[in-house]
Amino acid sequence: CEIYPNVIFGSEPYLISIGNNVRITTGVKFCTHD
């Protein structure tokens, strides 16, 4: 996988599952809560 700068995995990153061969580019945000 590739993770570019400034990616935010939120306050509960343990709720995120990412597969193989995934590219997450600059500034992507994962929000695990409301």
PDB file of all heavy atoms in Angstrom:
ATOM      1  N   CYS A   1       0.839  -1.200   0.000  1.00  0.00           N
ATOM      2  CA  CYS A   1       0.000   0.000   0.000  1.00  0.00           C
ATOM      3  C   CYS A   1       0.873   1.250   0.000  1.00  0.00           C
ATOM      4  O   CYS A   1       2.051   1.192   0.333  1.00  0.00           O
ATOM      5  CB  CYS A   1      -0.908   0.010   1.230  1.00  0.00           C
ATOM      6  SG  CYS A   1      -2.137  -1.311   1.191  1.00  0.00           S
ATOM      7  N   GLU A   2       0.265   2.368  -0.370  1.00  0.00           N
ATOM      8  CA  GLU A   2       0.928   3.660  -0.340  1.00  0.00           C
ATOM      9  C   GLU A   2       0.041   4.650   0.390  1.00  0.00           C
ATOM     10  O   GLU A   2      -1.154   4.734   0.113  1.00  0.00           O
ATOM     11  CB  GLU A   2       1.185   4.190  -1.757  1.00  0.00           C
ATOM     12  CG  GLU A   2       2.135   3.348  -2.565  1.00  0.00           C
ATOM     13  CD  GLU A   2       2.381   3.921  -3.960  1.00  0.00           C
ATOM     14  OE1 GLU A   2       1.881   5.032  -4.278  1.00  0.00           O
ATOM     15  OE2 GLU A   2       3.074   3.256  -4.735  1.00  0.00           O
ATOM     16  N   ILE A   3       0.647   5.390   1.305  1.00  0.00           N
ATOM     17  CA  ILE A   3      -0.078   6.445   2.015  1.00  0.00           C
ATOM     18  C   ILE A   3       0.702   7.740   1.813  1.00  0.00           C
ATOM     19  O   ILE A   3       1.856   7.847   2.211  1.00  0.00           O
ATOM     20  CB  ILE A   3      -0.216   6.137   3.518  1.00  0.00           C
ATOM     21  CG1 ILE A   3      -0.982   4.834   3.727  1.00  0.00           C
ATOM     22  CG2 ILE A   3      -0.917   7.297   4.225  1.00  0.00           C
ATOM     23  CD1 ILE A   3      -1.046   4.382   5.164  1.00  0.00           C
ATOM     24  N   TYR A   4       0.063   8.695   1.195  1.00  0.00           N
ATOM     25  CA  TYR A   4       0.686   9.986   0.932  1.00  0.00           C
ATOM     26  C   TYR A   4       0.579  10.878   2.165  1.00  0.00           C
ATOM     27  O   TYR A   4      -0.110  10.531   3.130  1.00  0.00           O
ATOM     28  CB  TYR A   4       0.018  10.629  -0.289  1.00  0.00           C
ATOM     29  CG  TYR A   4       0.502  10.024  -1.587  1.00  0.00           C
ATOM     30  CD1 TYR A   4       0.225   8.698  -1.916  1.00  0.00           C
ATOM     31  CD2 TYR A   4       1.268  10.763  -2.477  1.00  0.00           C
ATOM     32  CE1 TYR A   4       0.685   8.128  -3.092  1.00  0.00           C
ATOM     33  CE2 TYR A   4       1.740  10.201  -3.661  1.00  0.00           C
ATOM     34  CZ  TYR A   4       1.447   8.887  -3.959  1.00  0.00           C
ATOM     35  OH  TYR A   4       1.913   8.328  -5.104  1.00  0.00           O
ATOM     36  N   PRO A   5       1.239  12.048   2.151  1.00  0.00           N
ATOM     37  CA  PRO A   5       1.188  12.927   3.329  1.00  0.00           C
ATOM     38  C   PRO A   5      -0.222  13.441   3.630  1.00  0.00           C
ATOM     39  O   PRO A   5      -1.086  13.484   2.760  1.00  0.00           O
ATOM     40  CB  PRO A   5       2.100  14.102   2.921  1.00  0.00           C
ATOM     41  CG  PRO A   5       2.984  13.569   1.863  1.00  0.00           C
ATOM     42  CD  PRO A   5       2.162  12.555   1.127  1.00  0.00           C
ATOM     43  N   ASN A   6      -0.395  13.841   4.860  1.00  0.00           N
ATOM     44  CA  ASN A   6      -1.603  14.517   5.340  1.00  0.00           C
ATOM     45  C   ASN A   6      -2.865  13.669   5.248  1.00  0.00           C
ATOM     46  O   ASN A   6      -3.959  14.204   5.073  1.00  0.00           O
ATOM     47  CB  ASN A   6      -1.800  15.856   4.618  1.00  0.00           C
ATOM     48  CG  ASN A   6      -0.612  16.770   4.795  1.00  0.00           C
ATOM     49  OD1 ASN A   6      -0.087  16.907   5.891  1.00  0.00           O
ATOM     50  ND2 ASN A   6      -0.156  17.369   3.709  1.00  0.00           N
ATOM     51  N   VAL A   7      -2.716  12.364   5.360  1.00  0.00           N
ATOM     52  CA  VAL A   7      -3.875  11.479   5.446  1.00  0.00           C
ATOM     53  C   VAL A   7      -4.297  11.426   6.904  1.00  0.00           C
ATOM     54  O   VAL A   7      -3.460  11.274   7.798  1.00  0.00           O
ATOM     55  CB  VAL A   7      -3.547  10.069   4.914  1.00  0.00           C
ATOM     56  CG1 VAL A   7      -4.672   9.095   5.203  1.00  0.00           C
ATOM     57  CG2 VAL A   7      -3.252  10.134   3.424  1.00  0.00           C
ATOM     58  N   ILE A   8      -5.593  11.548   7.146  1.00  0.00           N
ATOM     59  CA  ILE A   8      -6.107  11.523   8.520  1.00  0.00           C
ATOM     60  C   ILE A   8      -6.956  10.271   8.696  1.00  0.00           C
ATOM     61  O   ILE A   8      -7.926  10.066   7.963  1.00  0.00           O
ATOM     62  CB  ILE A   8      -6.927  12.791   8.821  1.00  0.00           C
ATOM     63  CG1 ILE A   8      -6.014  14.022   8.719  1.00  0.00           C
ATOM     64  CG2 ILE A   8      -7.586  12.693  10.193  1.00  0.00           C
ATOM     65  CD1 ILE A   8      -6.739  15.338   8.841  1.00  0.00           C
ATOM     66  N   PHE A   9      -6.568   9.445   9.644  1.00  0.00           N
ATOM     67  CA  PHE A   9      -7.292   8.205   9.918  1.00  0.00           C
ATOM     68  C   PHE A   9      -8.328   8.365  11.022  1.00  0.00           C
ATOM     69  O   PHE A   9      -8.906   7.405  11.485  1.00  0.00           O
ATOM     70  CB  PHE A   9      -6.319   7.081  10.266  1.00  0.00           C
ATOM     71  CG  PHE A   9      -5.523   6.608   9.089  1.00  0.00           C
ATOM     72  CD1 PHE A   9      -4.171   6.874   9.001  1.00  0.00           C
ATOM     73  CD2 PHE A   9      -6.139   5.914   8.057  1.00  0.00           C
ATOM     74  CE1 PHE A   9      -3.439   6.442   7.904  1.00  0.00           C
ATOM     75  CE2 PHE A   9      -5.415   5.478   6.961  1.00  0.00           C
ATOM     76  CZ  PHE A   9      -4.063   5.749   6.885  1.00  0.00           C
ATOM     77  N   GLY A  10      -8.576   9.584  11.460  1.00  0.00           N
ATOM     78  CA  GLY A  10      -9.623   9.843  12.433  1.00  0.00           C
ATOM     79  C   GLY A  10      -9.247   9.456  13.845  1.00  0.00           C
ATOM     80  O   GLY A  10      -8.132   9.035  14.132  1.00  0.00           O
ATOM     81  N   SER A  11     -10.206   9.572  14.725  1.00  0.00           N
ATOM     82  CA  SER A  11      -9.956   9.336  16.144  1.00  0.00           C
ATOM     83  C   SER A  11     -10.060   7.871  16.534  1.00  0.00           C
ATOM     84  O   SER A  11      -9.675   7.501  17.643  1.00  0.00           O
ATOM     85  CB  SER A  11     -10.907  10.187  16.991  1.00  0.00           C
ATOM     86  OG  SER A  11     -12.242   9.969  16.573  1.00  0.00           O
ATOM     87  N   GLU A  12     -10.569   7.014  15.636  1.00  0.00           N
ATOM     88  CA  GLU A  12     -10.676   5.581  15.916  1.00  0.00           C
ATOM     89  C   GLU A  12     -10.086   4.795  14.740  1.00  0.00           C
ATOM     90  O   GLU A  12     -10.796   4.092  14.021  1.00  0.00           O
ATOM     91  CB  GLU A  12     -12.138   5.157  16.125  1.00  0.00           C
ATOM     92  CG  GLU A  12     -12.838   5.834  17.278  1.00  0.00           C
ATOM     93  CD  GLU A  12     -13.377   7.232  16.918  1.00  0.00           C
ATOM     94  OE1 GLU A  12     -13.684   7.483  15.751  1.00  0.00           O
ATOM     95  OE2 GLU A  12     -13.458   8.068  17.829  1.00  0.00           O
ATOM     96  N   PRO A  13      -8.770   4.905  14.495  1.00  0.00           N
ATOM     97  CA  PRO A  13      -8.172   4.253  13.335  1.00  0.00           C
ATOM     98  C   PRO A  13      -8.316   2.738  13.359  1.00  0.00           C
ATOM     99  O   PRO A  13      -8.279   2.091  12.309  1.00  0.00           O
ATOM    100  CB  PRO A  13      -6.703   4.680  13.391  1.00  0.00           C
ATOM    101  CG  PRO A  13      -6.466   5.079  14.805  1.00  0.00           C
ATOM    102  CD  PRO A  13      -7.779   5.611  15.312  1.00  0.00           C
ATOM    103  N   TYR A  14      -8.523   2.165  14.529  1.00  0.00           N
ATOM    104  CA  TYR A  14      -8.685   0.719  14.666  1.00  0.00           C
ATOM    105  C   TYR A  14     -10.001   0.234  14.037  1.00  0.00           C
ATOM    106  O   TYR A  14     -10.198  -0.961  13.854  1.00  0.00           O
ATOM    107  CB  TYR A  14      -8.609   0.297  16.139  1.00  0.00           C
ATOM    108  CG  TYR A  14      -9.399   1.190  17.068  1.00  0.00           C
ATOM    109  CD1 TYR A  14     -10.757   0.983  17.289  1.00  0.00           C
ATOM    110  CD2 TYR A  14      -8.782   2.264  17.696  1.00  0.00           C
ATOM    111  CE1 TYR A  14     -11.483   1.815  18.113  1.00  0.00           C
ATOM    112  CE2 TYR A  14      -9.502   3.103  18.528  1.00  0.00           C
ATOM    113  CZ  TYR A  14     -10.852   2.881  18.738  1.00  0.00           C
ATOM    114  OH  TYR A  14     -11.570   3.717  19.558  1.00  0.00           O
ATOM    115  N   LEU A  15     -10.889   1.157  13.662  1.00  0.00           N
ATOM    116  CA  LEU A  15     -12.139   0.798  12.971  1.00  0.00           C
ATOM    117  C   LEU A  15     -11.971   0.761  11.447  1.00  0.00           C
ATOM    118  O   LEU A  15     -12.920   0.513  10.728  1.00  0.00           O
ATOM    119  CB  LEU A  15     -13.255   1.776  13.336  1.00  0.00           C
ATOM    120  CG  LEU A  15     -13.762   1.706  14.770  1.00  0.00           C
ATOM    121  CD1 LEU A  15     -14.789   2.811  15.025  1.00  0.00           C
ATOM    122  CD2 LEU A  15     -14.354   0.338  15.059  1.00  0.00           C
ATOM    123  N   ILE A  16     -10.742   1.015  10.980  1.00  0.00           N
ATOM    124  CA  ILE A  16     -10.472   1.074   9.542  1.00  0.00           C
ATOM    125  C   ILE A  16      -9.679  -0.150   9.121  1.00  0.00           C
ATOM    126  O   ILE A  16      -8.686  -0.509   9.753  1.00  0.00           O
ATOM    127  CB  ILE A  16      -9.680   2.348   9.186  1.00  0.00           C
ATOM    128  CG1 ILE A  16     -10.445   3.591   9.648  1.00  0.00           C
ATOM    129  CG2 ILE A  16      -9.385   2.402   7.687  1.00  0.00           C
ATOM    130  CD1 ILE A  16      -9.614   4.859   9.621  1.00  0.00           C
ATOM    131  N   SER A  17     -10.127  -0.787   8.043  1.00  0.00           N
ATOM    132  CA  SER A  17      -9.428  -1.940   7.478  1.00  0.00           C
ATOM    133  C   SER A  17      -9.172  -1.656   6.004  1.00  0.00           C
ATOM    134  O   SER A  17     -10.099  -1.373   5.246  1.00  0.00           O
ATOM    135  CB  SER A  17     -10.290  -3.193   7.645  1.00  0.00           C
ATOM    136  OG  SER A  17      -9.651  -4.296   7.065  1.00  0.00           O
ATOM    137  N   ILE A  18      -7.900  -1.738   5.613  1.00  0.00           N
ATOM    138  CA  ILE A  18      -7.494  -1.424   4.245  1.00  0.00           C
ATOM    139  C   ILE A  18      -6.855  -2.659   3.636  1.00  0.00           C
ATOM    140  O   ILE A  18      -5.969  -3.267   4.236  1.00  0.00           O
ATOM    141  CB  ILE A  18      -6.514  -0.235   4.249  1.00  0.00           C
ATOM    142  CG1 ILE A  18      -7.236   1.006   4.778  1.00  0.00           C
ATOM    143  CG2 ILE A  18      -5.934   0.005   2.856  1.00  0.00           C
ATOM    144  CD1 ILE A  18      -6.338   2.175   5.054  1.00  0.00           C
ATOM    145  N   GLY A  19      -7.293  -3.018   2.436  1.00  0.00           N
ATOM    146  CA  GLY A  19      -6.800  -4.207   1.749  1.00  0.00           C
ATOM    147  C   GLY A  19      -5.402  -4.042   1.187  1.00  0.00           C
ATOM    148  O   GLY A  19      -4.653  -3.143   1.569  1.00  0.00           O
ATOM    149  N   ASN A  20      -5.054  -4.894   0.237  1.00  0.00           N
ATOM    150  CA  ASN A  20      -3.746  -4.889  -0.415  1.00  0.00           C
ATOM    151  C   ASN A  20      -3.765  -3.970  -1.632  1.00  0.00           C
ATOM    152  O   ASN A  20      -4.801  -3.782  -2.264  1.00  0.00           O
ATOM    153  CB  ASN A  20      -3.374  -6.298  -0.863  1.00  0.00           C
ATOM    154  CG  ASN A  20      -3.281  -7.258   0.302  1.00  0.00           C
ATOM    155  OD1 ASN A  20      -2.705  -6.949   1.336  1.00  0.00           O
ATOM    156  ND2 ASN A  20      -3.863  -8.427   0.138  1.00  0.00           N
ATOM    157  N   ASN A  21      -2.592  -3.431  -1.961  1.00  0.00           N
ATOM    158  CA  ASN A  21      -2.434  -2.601  -3.165  1.00  0.00           C
ATOM    159  C   ASN A  21      -3.394  -1.412  -3.182  1.00  0.00           C
ATOM    160  O   ASN A  21      -4.092  -1.172  -4.158  1.00  0.00           O
ATOM    161  CB  ASN A  21      -2.616  -3.442  -4.431  1.00  0.00           C
ATOM    162  CG  ASN A  21      -1.634  -4.581  -4.501  1.00  0.00           C
ATOM    163  OD1 ASN A  21      -0.434  -4.361  -4.372  1.00  0.00           O
ATOM    164  ND2 ASN A  21      -2.140  -5.782  -4.653  1.00  0.00           N
ATOM    165  N   VAL A  22      -3.411  -0.688  -2.075  1.00  0.00           N
ATOM    166  CA  VAL A  22      -4.277   0.485  -1.947  1.00  0.00           C
ATOM    167  C   VAL A  22      -3.401   1.734  -1.892  1.00  0.00           C
ATOM    168  O   VAL A  22      -2.415   1.772  -1.159  1.00  0.00           O
ATOM    169  CB  VAL A  22      -5.170   0.395  -0.690  1.00  0.00           C
ATOM    170  CG1 VAL A  22      -5.967   1.677  -0.482  1.00  0.00           C
ATOM    171  CG2 VAL A  22      -6.096  -0.814  -0.786  1.00  0.00           C
ATOM    172  N   ARG A  23      -3.770   2.732  -2.686  1.00  0.00           N
ATOM    173  CA  ARG A  23      -3.073   4.023  -2.664  1.00  0.00           C
ATOM    174  C   ARG A  23      -4.033   5.056  -2.085  1.00  0.00           C
ATOM    175  O   ARG A  23      -5.127   5.261  -2.589  1.00  0.00           O
ATOM    176  CB  ARG A  23      -2.674   4.457  -4.067  1.00  0.00           C
ATOM    177  CG  ARG A  23      -2.062   5.866  -4.066  1.00  0.00           C
ATOM    178  CD  ARG A  23      -1.827   6.369  -5.454  1.00  0.00           C
ATOM    179  NE  ARG A  23      -0.612   5.766  -5.961  1.00  0.00           N
ATOM    180  CZ  ARG A  23      -0.269   5.762  -7.248  1.00  0.00           C
ATOM    181  NH1 ARG A  23      -1.075   6.283  -8.147  1.00  0.00           N
ATOM    182  NH2 ARG A  23       0.854   5.224  -7.628  1.00  0.00           N
ATOM    183  N   ILE A  24      -3.576   5.708  -0.995  1.00  0.00           N
ATOM    184  CA  ILE A  24      -4.359   6.747  -0.336  1.00  0.00           C
ATOM    185  C   ILE A  24      -3.577   8.044  -0.515  1.00  0.00           C
ATOM    186  O   ILE A  24      -2.510   8.218   0.062  1.00  0.00           O
ATOM    187  CB  ILE A  24      -4.570   6.416   1.155  1.00  0.00           C
ATOM    188  CG1 ILE A  24      -5.229   5.032   1.305  1.00  0.00           C
ATOM    189  CG2 ILE A  24      -5.399   7.496   1.828  1.00  0.00           C
ATOM    190  CD1 ILE A  24      -5.218   4.502   2.717  1.00  0.00           C
ATOM    191  N   THR A  25      -4.103   8.944  -1.335  1.00  0.00           N
ATOM    192  CA  THR A  25      -3.349  10.140  -1.712  1.00  0.00           C
ATOM    193  C   THR A  25      -3.514  11.265  -0.698  1.00  0.00           C
ATOM    194  O   THR A  25      -4.259  11.164   0.281  1.00  0.00           O
ATOM    195  CB  THR A  25      -3.757  10.614  -3.117  1.00  0.00           C
ATOM    196  OG1 THR A  25      -5.140  10.939  -3.111  1.00  0.00           O
ATOM    197  CG2 THR A  25      -3.487   9.543  -4.164  1.00  0.00           C
ATOM    198  N   THR A  26      -2.817  12.345  -0.967  1.00  0.00           N
ATOM    199  CA  THR A  26      -2.725  13.487  -0.065  1.00  0.00           C
ATOM    200  C   THR A  26      -4.093  14.030   0.352  1.00  0.00           C
ATOM    201  O   THR A  26      -4.976  14.218  -0.472  1.00  0.00           O
ATOM    202  CB  THR A  26      -1.918  14.609  -0.746  1.00  0.00           C
ATOM    203  OG1 THR A  26      -0.615  14.102  -1.046  1.00  0.00           O
ATOM    204  CG2 THR A  26      -1.796  15.831   0.124  1.00  0.00           C
ATOM    205  N   GLY A  27      -4.228  14.265   1.654  1.00  0.00           N
ATOM    206  CA  GLY A  27      -5.404  14.936   2.183  1.00  0.00           C
ATOM    207  C   GLY A  27      -6.632  14.080   2.394  1.00  0.00           C
ATOM    208  O   GLY A  27      -7.677  14.595   2.799  1.00  0.00           O
ATOM    209  N   VAL A  28      -6.533  12.773   2.153  1.00  0.00           N
ATOM    210  CA  VAL A  28      -7.697  11.904   2.358  1.00  0.00           C
ATOM    211  C   VAL A  28      -8.026  11.849   3.852  1.00  0.00           C
ATOM    212  O   VAL A  28      -7.138  11.810   4.698  1.00  0.00           O
ATOM    213  CB  VAL A  28      -7.432  10.488   1.793  1.00  0.00           C
ATOM    214  CG1 VAL A  28      -8.528   9.512   2.198  1.00  0.00           C
ATOM    215  CG2 VAL A  28      -7.292  10.546   0.281  1.00  0.00           C
ATOM    216  N   LYS A  29      -9.316  11.844   4.151  1.00  0.00           N
ATOM    217  CA  LYS A  29      -9.768  11.788   5.545  1.00  0.00           C
ATOM    218  C   LYS A  29     -10.733  10.629   5.726  1.00  0.00           C
ATOM    219  O   LYS A  29     -11.664  10.460   4.950  1.00  0.00           O
ATOM    220  CB  LYS A  29     -10.455  13.095   5.919  1.00  0.00           C
ATOM    221  CG  LYS A  29      -9.530  14.294   5.892  1.00  0.00           C
ATOM    222  CD  LYS A  29     -10.290  15.594   6.061  1.00  0.00           C
ATOM    223  CE  LYS A  29      -9.391  16.792   5.967  1.00  0.00           C
ATOM    224  NZ  LYS A  29      -8.749  16.962   4.667  1.00  0.00           N
ATOM    225  N   PHE A  30     -10.488   9.847   6.762  1.00  0.00           N
ATOM    226  CA  PHE A  30     -11.374   8.756   7.152  1.00  0.00           C
ATOM    227  C   PHE A  30     -12.098   9.202   8.418  1.00  0.00           C
ATOM    228  O   PHE A  30     -11.465   9.560   9.397  1.00  0.00           O
ATOM    229  CB  PHE A  30     -10.575   7.485   7.446  1.00  0.00           C
ATOM    230  CG  PHE A  30      -9.928   6.878   6.243  1.00  0.00           C
ATOM    231  CD1 PHE A  30      -8.666   7.295   5.829  1.00  0.00           C
ATOM    232  CD2 PHE A  30     -10.567   5.876   5.528  1.00  0.00           C
ATOM    233  CE1 PHE A  30      -8.065   6.728   4.723  1.00  0.00           C
ATOM    234  CE2 PHE A  30      -9.963   5.307   4.421  1.00  0.00           C
ATOM    235  CZ  PHE A  30      -8.717   5.731   4.008  1.00  0.00           C
ATOM    236  N   CYS A  31     -13.405   9.178   8.385  1.00  0.00           N
ATOM    237  CA  CYS A  31     -14.197   9.589   9.540  1.00  0.00           C
ATOM    238  C   CYS A  31     -14.932   8.363  10.081  1.00  0.00           C
ATOM    239  O   CYS A  31     -15.803   7.819   9.403  1.00  0.00           O
ATOM    240  CB  CYS A  31     -15.179  10.675   9.123  1.00  0.00           C
ATOM    241  SG  CYS A  31     -16.082  11.352  10.517  1.00  0.00           S
ATOM    242  N   THR A  32     -14.584   7.943  11.278  1.00  0.00           N
ATOM    243  CA  THR A  32     -15.161   6.725  11.853  1.00  0.00           C
ATOM    244  C   THR A  32     -16.265   7.016  12.870  1.00  0.00           C
ATOM    245  O   THR A  32     -16.750   6.108  13.524  1.00  0.00           O
ATOM    246  CB  THR A  32     -14.059   5.892  12.532  1.00  0.00           C
ATOM    247  OG1 THR A  32     -13.382   6.715  13.486  1.00  0.00           O
ATOM    248  CG2 THR A  32     -13.067   5.363  11.509  1.00  0.00           C
ATOM    249  N   HIS A  33     -16.617   8.278  13.010  1.00  0.00           N
ATOM    250  CA  HIS A  33     -17.677   8.614  13.963  1.00  0.00           C
ATOM    251  C   HIS A  33     -18.542   9.744  13.408  1.00  0.00           C
ATOM    252  O   HIS A  33     -18.163  10.438  12.479  1.00  0.00           O
ATOM    253  CB  HIS A  33     -17.085   9.017  15.309  1.00  0.00           C
ATOM    254  CG  HIS A  33     -16.311  10.299  15.239  1.00  0.00           C
ATOM    255  ND1 HIS A  33     -15.006  10.346  14.810  1.00  0.00           N
ATOM    256  CD2 HIS A  33     -16.669  11.577  15.509  1.00  0.00           C
ATOM    257  CE1 HIS A  33     -14.592  11.600  14.827  1.00  0.00           C
ATOM    258  NE2 HIS A  33     -15.579  12.378  15.248  1.00  0.00           N
ATOM    259  N   ASP A  34     -19.696   9.907  14.001  1.00  0.00           N
ATOM    260  CA  ASP A  34     -20.628  10.956  13.611  1.00  0.00           C
ATOM    261  C   ASP A  34     -20.438  12.144  14.551  1.00  0.00           C
ATOM    262  O   ASP A  34     -20.883  12.129  15.696  1.00  0.00           O
ATOM    263  CB  ASP A  34     -22.070  10.424  13.702  1.00  0.00           C
ATOM    264  CG  ASP A  34     -23.119  11.435  13.283  1.00  0.00           C
ATOM    265  OD1 ASP A  34     -22.806  12.645  13.195  1.00  0.00           O
ATOM    266  OD2 ASP A  34     -24.264  11.019  13.050  1.00  0.00           O
TER     267      ASP A  34
END
